[in-house]
C-alpha atoms as a PDB file:
ATOM      1  CA  UNK A   1       2.838 -23.874   9.297  1.00  0.00           C
ATOM      2  CA  UNK A   2       6.517 -23.251   8.574  1.00  0.00           C
ATOM      3  CA  UNK A   3       7.050 -26.991   8.222  1.00  0.00           C
ATOM      4  CA  UNK A   4       4.227 -27.207   5.681  1.00  0.00           C
ATOM      5  CA  UNK A   5       5.713 -24.383   3.601  1.00  0.00           C
ATOM      6  CA  UNK A   6       9.146 -26.022   3.609  1.00  0.00           C
ATOM      7  CA  UNK A   7       7.566 -29.346   2.695  1.00  0.00           C
ATOM      8  CA  UNK A   8       5.683 -27.924  -0.278  1.00  0.00           C
ATOM      9  CA  UNK A   9       8.865 -26.295  -1.570  1.00  0.00           C
ATOM     10  CA  UNK A  10      10.544 -29.680  -1.949  1.00  0.00           C
ATOM     11  CA  UNK A  11      10.958 -30.670  -5.627  1.00  0.00           C
ATOM     12  CA  UNK A  12       9.918 -34.257  -4.923  1.00  0.00           C
ATOM     13  CA  UNK A  13       6.620 -33.106  -3.383  1.00  0.00           C
ATOM     14  CA  UNK A  14       5.889 -30.810  -6.316  1.00  0.00           C
ATOM     15  CA  UNK A  15       6.794 -33.601  -8.753  1.00  0.00           C
ATOM     16  CA  UNK A  16       4.517 -35.981  -6.854  1.00  0.00           C
ATOM     17  CA  UNK A  17       1.582 -33.582  -7.110  1.00  0.00           C
ATOM     18  CA  UNK A  18       2.189 -33.141 -10.837  1.00  0.00           C
ATOM     19  CA  UNK A  19       2.266 -36.914 -11.366  1.00  0.00           C
ATOM     20  CA  UNK A  20      -0.882 -37.322  -9.286  1.00  0.00           C
ATOM     21  CA  UNK A  21      -2.645 -34.676 -11.374  1.00  0.00           C
ATOM     22  CA  UNK A  22      -1.593 -36.376 -14.618  1.00  0.00           C
ATOM     23  CA  UNK A  23      -2.749 -39.764 -13.333  1.00  0.00           C
ATOM     24  CA  UNK A  24      -6.116 -38.230 -12.420  1.00  0.00           C
ATOM     25  CA  UNK A  25      -6.517 -36.885 -15.949  1.00  0.00           C
ATOM     26  CA  UNK A  26      -5.680 -40.308 -17.384  1.00  0.00           C
ATOM     27  CA  UNK A  27      -8.135 -41.979 -15.001  1.00  0.00           C
ATOM     28  CA  UNK A  28     -10.915 -39.547 -16.011  1.00  0.00           C
ATOM     29  CA  UNK A  29     -10.200 -40.290 -19.659  1.00  0.00           C
ATOM     30  CA  UNK A  30     -10.328 -44.045 -19.043  1.00  0.00           C
ATOM     31  CA  UNK A  31     -13.651 -43.683 -17.226  1.00  0.00           C
ATOM     32  CA  UNK A  32     -15.067 -41.682 -20.123  1.00  0.00           C
ATOM     33  CA  UNK A  33     -14.424 -44.502 -22.596  1.00  0.00           C
ATOM     34  CA  UNK A  34     -14.901 -47.675 -20.535  1.00  0.00           C
ATOM     35  CA  UNK A  35     -16.982 -49.148 -17.734  1.00  0.00           C
ATOM     36  CA  UNK A  36     -15.959 -48.751 -14.106  1.00  0.00           C
ATOM     37  CA  UNK A  37     -16.591 -52.464 -13.466  1.00  0.00           C
ATOM     38  CA  UNK A  38     -13.810 -53.272 -15.946  1.00  0.00           C
ATOM     39  CA  UNK A  39     -11.477 -50.310 -15.455  1.00  0.00           C
ATOM     40  CA  UNK A  40     -11.231 -50.320 -11.679  1.00  0.00           C
ATOM     41  CA  UNK A  41     -10.086 -53.952 -11.236  1.00  0.00           C
ATOM     42  CA  UNK A  42      -7.473 -53.384 -13.939  1.00  0.00           C
ATOM     43  CA  UNK A  43      -6.262 -50.225 -12.196  1.00  0.00           C
ATOM     44  CA  UNK A  44      -5.989 -51.918  -8.817  1.00  0.00           C
ATOM     45  CA  UNK A  45      -4.223 -54.984 -10.220  1.00  0.00           C
ATOM     46  CA  UNK A  46      -1.726 -52.962 -12.220  1.00  0.00           C
ATOM     47  CA  UNK A  47      -1.104 -50.683  -9.260  1.00  0.00           C
ATOM     48  CA  UNK A  48      -0.284 -53.670  -7.067  1.00  0.00           C
ATOM     49  CA  UNK A  49       2.092 -55.119  -9.677  1.00  0.00           C
ATOM     50  CA  UNK A  50       3.800 -51.745 -10.284  1.00  0.00           C
ATOM     51  CA  UNK A  51       4.225 -51.000  -6.579  1.00  0.00           C
ATOM     52  CA  UNK A  52       5.792 -54.412  -6.040  1.00  0.00           C
ATOM     53  CA  UNK A  53       8.149 -53.914  -8.989  1.00  0.00           C
ATOM     54  CA  UNK A  54       9.070 -50.449  -7.731  1.00  0.00           C
ATOM     55  CA  UNK A  55       9.739 -51.751  -4.222  1.00  0.00           C
ATOM     56  CA  UNK A  56      12.043 -54.425  -5.596  1.00  0.00           C
ATOM     57  CA  UNK A  57      13.910 -51.992  -7.877  1.00  0.00           C
ATOM     58  CA  UNK A  58      14.080 -48.901  -5.675  1.00  0.00           C
ATOM     59  CA  UNK A  59      14.174 -50.353  -2.169  1.00  0.00           C
ATOM     60  CA  UNK A  60      15.791 -53.725  -2.929  1.00  0.00           C
ATOM     61  CA  UNK A  61      12.956 -55.637  -1.287  1.00  0.00           C
ATOM     62  CA  UNK A  62      12.972 -59.388  -1.732  1.00  0.00           C
ATOM     63  CA  UNK A  63      10.957 -60.958  -4.518  1.00  0.00           C
ATOM     64  CA  UNK A  64       9.937 -64.407  -3.358  1.00  0.00           C
ATOM     65  CA  UNK A  65       8.421 -67.162  -5.438  1.00  0.00           C
ATOM     66  CA  UNK A  66       5.064 -66.607  -3.747  1.00  0.00           C
ATOM     67  CA  UNK A  67       5.122 -62.910  -4.661  1.00  0.00           C
ATOM     68  CA  UNK A  68       5.915 -63.754  -8.283  1.00  0.00           C
ATOM     69  CA  UNK A  69       3.079 -66.298  -8.393  1.00  0.00           C
ATOM     70  CA  UNK A  70       0.729 -63.776  -6.787  1.00  0.00           C
ATOM     71  CA  UNK A  71       1.603 -61.094  -9.322  1.00  0.00           C
ATOM     72  CA  UNK A  72       1.132 -63.585 -12.168  1.00  0.00           C
ATOM     73  CA  UNK A  73      -2.311 -64.500 -10.809  1.00  0.00           C
ATOM     74  CA  UNK A  74      -3.199 -60.807 -10.576  1.00  0.00           C
ATOM     75  CA  UNK A  75      -2.018 -60.191 -14.155  1.00  0.00           C
ATOM     76  CA  UNK A  76      -4.018 -63.204 -15.326  1.00  0.00           C
ATOM     77  CA  UNK A  77      -7.056 -61.728 -13.579  1.00  0.00           C
ATOM     78  CA  UNK A  78      -6.452 -58.437 -15.365  1.00  0.00           C
ATOM     79  CA  UNK A  79      -6.363 -60.214 -18.718  1.00  0.00           C
ATOM     80  CA  UNK A  80      -9.569 -62.116 -17.931  1.00  0.00           C
ATOM     81  CA  UNK A  81     -11.282 -58.933 -16.732  1.00  0.00           C
ATOM     82  CA  UNK A  82     -10.210 -57.009 -19.827  1.00  0.00           C
ATOM     83  CA  UNK A  83     -11.546 -59.743 -22.127  1.00  0.00           C
ATOM     84  CA  UNK A  84     -14.854 -59.956 -20.226  1.00  0.00           C
END
C-alpha cells in the first residue's frame, strides 16, 4: 500500500491521469458527432503512428524503411476511412 501511495504522488503519474482524462473527454465528444465505424479506425491508426513517432523521438528507436512504408499505408487507410 505504501508503494501505491508513493507511486500516485509522482508528478508524471498525476500528469498521465490528467492526460488520460482529457483524451477520454475528446473521445466522448468525437463519438457524439461521428460514427464509431469511422472514428475508431482513425483513432487506432493515429495512435499507432503517434506511438511510433514518440518512440523514435523519445527513445531513439530505429525508423526503418518498412516502418515508414507501414505508417504511410496506415495514414492512407485513415484518409480513405475518413472519406468513406
